[in-house]
N, C-alpha and C. Protein backbone atom coordinates (compact mmCIF):
# COMPACT_ATOMS: atom_id res chain seq x y z
N MET A 1 -0.37 -38.74 35.40
CA MET A 1 -1.73 -38.34 35.70
C MET A 1 -1.76 -36.95 36.35
N LYS A 2 -0.81 -36.71 37.27
CA LYS A 2 -0.76 -35.40 37.92
C LYS A 2 -0.49 -34.30 36.89
N ARG A 3 0.37 -34.60 35.95
CA ARG A 3 0.70 -33.62 34.91
C ARG A 3 -0.53 -33.31 34.06
N PHE A 4 -1.31 -34.33 33.74
CA PHE A 4 -2.53 -34.15 32.95
C PHE A 4 -3.53 -33.26 33.70
N VAL A 5 -3.71 -33.50 34.99
CA VAL A 5 -4.63 -32.70 35.79
C VAL A 5 -4.14 -31.26 35.87
N LEU A 6 -2.85 -31.08 36.02
CA LEU A 6 -2.27 -29.74 36.09
C LEU A 6 -2.50 -28.99 34.78
N VAL A 7 -2.31 -29.65 33.66
CA VAL A 7 -2.52 -29.03 32.36
C VAL A 7 -3.99 -28.63 32.19
N ILE A 8 -4.90 -29.50 32.61
CA ILE A 8 -6.33 -29.20 32.51
C ILE A 8 -6.68 -28.00 33.40
N LEU A 9 -6.16 -27.96 34.61
CA LEU A 9 -6.44 -26.85 35.52
C LEU A 9 -5.89 -25.53 34.97
N LEU A 10 -4.71 -25.56 34.42
CA LEU A 10 -4.13 -24.36 33.83
C LEU A 10 -4.95 -23.89 32.63
N ALA A 11 -5.41 -24.81 31.81
CA ALA A 11 -6.22 -24.46 30.65
C ALA A 11 -7.54 -23.84 31.09
N LEU A 12 -8.15 -24.40 32.11
CA LEU A 12 -9.41 -23.84 32.62
C LEU A 12 -9.20 -22.45 33.22
N ALA A 13 -8.10 -22.27 33.93
CA ALA A 13 -7.80 -20.98 34.53
C ALA A 13 -7.59 -19.93 33.44
N ALA A 14 -6.88 -20.29 32.41
CA ALA A 14 -6.62 -19.35 31.31
C ALA A 14 -7.90 -19.01 30.57
N ALA A 15 -8.78 -19.97 30.44
CA ALA A 15 -10.03 -19.75 29.72
C ALA A 15 -10.98 -18.86 30.52
N SER A 16 -10.84 -18.84 31.84
CA SER A 16 -11.77 -18.07 32.67
C SER A 16 -11.34 -16.61 32.83
N VAL A 17 -10.15 -16.26 32.36
CA VAL A 17 -9.69 -14.88 32.45
C VAL A 17 -10.43 -14.06 31.40
N PRO A 18 -11.14 -13.00 31.84
CA PRO A 18 -11.90 -12.22 30.86
C PRO A 18 -10.97 -11.48 29.91
N CYS A 19 -11.38 -11.43 28.68
CA CYS A 19 -10.60 -10.73 27.66
C CYS A 19 -11.10 -9.30 27.59
N THR A 20 -10.23 -8.36 27.87
CA THR A 20 -10.63 -6.95 27.81
C THR A 20 -10.20 -6.38 26.46
N PRO A 21 -11.13 -5.78 25.76
CA PRO A 21 -10.77 -5.21 24.45
C PRO A 21 -9.84 -4.01 24.64
N SER A 22 -8.90 -3.87 23.75
CA SER A 22 -8.00 -2.73 23.84
C SER A 22 -8.69 -1.49 23.31
N LYS A 23 -8.28 -0.35 23.83
CA LYS A 23 -8.85 0.92 23.38
C LYS A 23 -8.30 1.24 22.00
N PRO A 24 -9.14 1.79 21.13
CA PRO A 24 -8.62 2.16 19.81
C PRO A 24 -7.62 3.31 19.94
N ALA A 25 -6.65 3.30 19.08
CA ALA A 25 -5.63 4.35 19.10
C ALA A 25 -6.26 5.69 18.75
N VAL A 26 -5.83 6.71 19.45
CA VAL A 26 -6.33 8.06 19.19
C VAL A 26 -5.31 8.77 18.31
N THR A 27 -5.76 9.33 17.21
CA THR A 27 -4.88 10.07 16.32
C THR A 27 -4.77 11.49 16.81
N ILE A 28 -3.55 11.94 17.05
CA ILE A 28 -3.30 13.30 17.50
C ILE A 28 -2.88 14.15 16.30
N VAL A 29 -3.51 15.30 16.17
CA VAL A 29 -3.16 16.26 15.14
C VAL A 29 -2.79 17.57 15.83
N TYR A 30 -2.28 18.51 15.09
CA TYR A 30 -1.76 19.75 15.68
C TYR A 30 -2.40 20.96 15.01
N ALA A 31 -2.74 21.94 15.85
CA ALA A 31 -3.37 23.14 15.34
C ALA A 31 -2.88 24.35 16.14
N THR A 32 -2.83 25.50 15.48
CA THR A 32 -2.49 26.73 16.18
C THR A 32 -3.77 27.25 16.83
N ALA A 33 -3.61 28.19 17.74
CA ALA A 33 -4.76 28.72 18.48
C ALA A 33 -5.79 29.36 17.56
N ASN A 34 -5.35 30.06 16.53
CA ASN A 34 -6.28 30.78 15.66
C ASN A 34 -6.40 30.19 14.26
N GLY A 35 -5.72 29.07 14.02
CA GLY A 35 -5.73 28.49 12.68
C GLY A 35 -7.04 27.83 12.32
N LYS A 36 -7.22 27.60 11.04
CA LYS A 36 -8.43 26.95 10.53
C LYS A 36 -8.14 25.54 10.02
N LYS A 37 -6.89 25.11 10.16
CA LYS A 37 -6.47 23.80 9.65
C LYS A 37 -5.80 23.00 10.77
N PHE A 38 -5.79 21.68 10.61
CA PHE A 38 -5.00 20.84 11.50
C PHE A 38 -3.92 20.14 10.69
N HIS A 39 -2.84 19.79 11.37
CA HIS A 39 -1.62 19.34 10.70
C HIS A 39 -1.03 18.10 11.38
N SER A 40 -0.13 17.43 10.66
CA SER A 40 0.68 16.39 11.28
C SER A 40 1.81 17.10 12.03
N LYS A 41 2.43 16.42 12.97
CA LYS A 41 3.47 17.04 13.79
C LYS A 41 4.64 17.55 12.95
N SER A 42 4.93 16.89 11.86
CA SER A 42 6.09 17.25 11.05
C SER A 42 5.79 18.24 9.93
N CYS A 43 4.59 18.79 9.89
CA CYS A 43 4.22 19.70 8.80
C CYS A 43 5.10 20.94 8.80
N ARG A 44 5.60 21.28 7.63
CA ARG A 44 6.51 22.43 7.50
C ARG A 44 5.81 23.76 7.77
N THR A 45 4.50 23.80 7.60
CA THR A 45 3.79 25.07 7.78
C THR A 45 3.63 25.47 9.25
N ILE A 46 3.87 24.54 10.17
CA ILE A 46 3.73 24.87 11.59
C ILE A 46 5.05 24.75 12.35
N LYS A 47 6.15 24.57 11.65
CA LYS A 47 7.46 24.38 12.29
C LYS A 47 7.79 25.46 13.31
N LYS A 48 7.49 26.71 13.01
CA LYS A 48 7.85 27.82 13.89
C LYS A 48 6.67 28.36 14.68
N SER A 49 5.57 27.63 14.67
CA SER A 49 4.36 28.08 15.34
C SER A 49 4.18 27.36 16.67
N LYS A 50 3.47 28.00 17.57
CA LYS A 50 3.10 27.36 18.82
C LYS A 50 1.83 26.57 18.54
N VAL A 51 1.91 25.26 18.70
CA VAL A 51 0.78 24.40 18.38
C VAL A 51 0.41 23.54 19.58
N GLU A 52 -0.82 23.06 19.57
CA GLU A 52 -1.25 22.12 20.59
C GLU A 52 -1.70 20.84 19.92
N GLY A 53 -1.39 19.72 20.54
CA GLY A 53 -1.84 18.44 20.03
C GLY A 53 -3.25 18.16 20.52
N ILE A 54 -4.14 17.80 19.62
CA ILE A 54 -5.52 17.48 19.98
C ILE A 54 -5.95 16.23 19.21
N PRO A 55 -6.90 15.50 19.75
CA PRO A 55 -7.40 14.33 19.01
C PRO A 55 -8.04 14.76 17.68
N LEU A 56 -7.88 13.94 16.68
CA LEU A 56 -8.43 14.22 15.35
C LEU A 56 -9.93 14.50 15.42
N GLU A 57 -10.66 13.71 16.19
CA GLU A 57 -12.10 13.89 16.30
C GLU A 57 -12.45 15.28 16.85
N GLU A 58 -11.67 15.75 17.81
CA GLU A 58 -11.91 17.08 18.38
C GLU A 58 -11.64 18.18 17.35
N ALA A 59 -10.59 18.01 16.56
CA ALA A 59 -10.28 18.98 15.52
C ALA A 59 -11.42 19.08 14.51
N ILE A 60 -11.98 17.96 14.15
CA ILE A 60 -13.09 17.95 13.20
C ILE A 60 -14.32 18.61 13.82
N LYS A 61 -14.59 18.31 15.10
CA LYS A 61 -15.73 18.92 15.78
C LYS A 61 -15.60 20.44 15.86
N LYS A 62 -14.35 20.93 15.97
CA LYS A 62 -14.12 22.37 16.03
C LYS A 62 -14.27 23.02 14.66
N GLY A 63 -14.45 22.22 13.63
CA GLY A 63 -14.61 22.76 12.29
C GLY A 63 -13.30 22.99 11.56
N LEU A 64 -12.21 22.45 12.09
CA LEU A 64 -10.91 22.60 11.42
C LEU A 64 -10.86 21.65 10.22
N GLU A 65 -10.12 22.05 9.23
CA GLU A 65 -9.96 21.25 8.02
C GLU A 65 -8.53 20.72 7.96
N PRO A 66 -8.31 19.59 7.28
CA PRO A 66 -6.94 19.07 7.16
C PRO A 66 -6.08 19.95 6.27
N CYS A 67 -4.84 20.07 6.62
CA CYS A 67 -3.86 20.81 5.82
C CYS A 67 -3.70 20.10 4.48
N LYS A 68 -3.64 20.87 3.40
CA LYS A 68 -3.50 20.27 2.07
C LYS A 68 -2.05 19.88 1.78
N ILE A 69 -1.11 20.36 2.60
CA ILE A 69 0.29 20.04 2.39
C ILE A 69 0.66 18.70 3.06
N CYS A 70 0.35 18.58 4.35
CA CYS A 70 0.76 17.36 5.07
C CYS A 70 -0.32 16.27 5.10
N LYS A 71 -1.55 16.62 4.77
CA LYS A 71 -2.66 15.65 4.71
C LYS A 71 -2.71 14.74 5.94
N PRO A 72 -2.95 15.31 7.14
CA PRO A 72 -2.85 14.54 8.38
C PRO A 72 -3.91 13.49 8.62
N SER A 73 -5.04 13.56 7.96
CA SER A 73 -6.09 12.59 8.24
C SER A 73 -5.93 11.29 7.46
N ASN A 74 -4.90 11.19 6.62
CA ASN A 74 -4.66 9.96 5.84
C ASN A 74 -3.88 8.99 6.66
């Protein structure tokens, strides 16, 4: 009987814990300071360039277009 009560109490405690939704993953893309395109980190066209990682949404808001070589938004 004690075991049954303990199981019920544990089940109630677990059910009362609020479920917090996880944050959606943010896609990071890379762009040079003066470039008009954004790239994936491994893109060959930016290998020797100084780049900054920015969220994909921010790159789009800045008017940057995806690189046709690495196709980072796929």
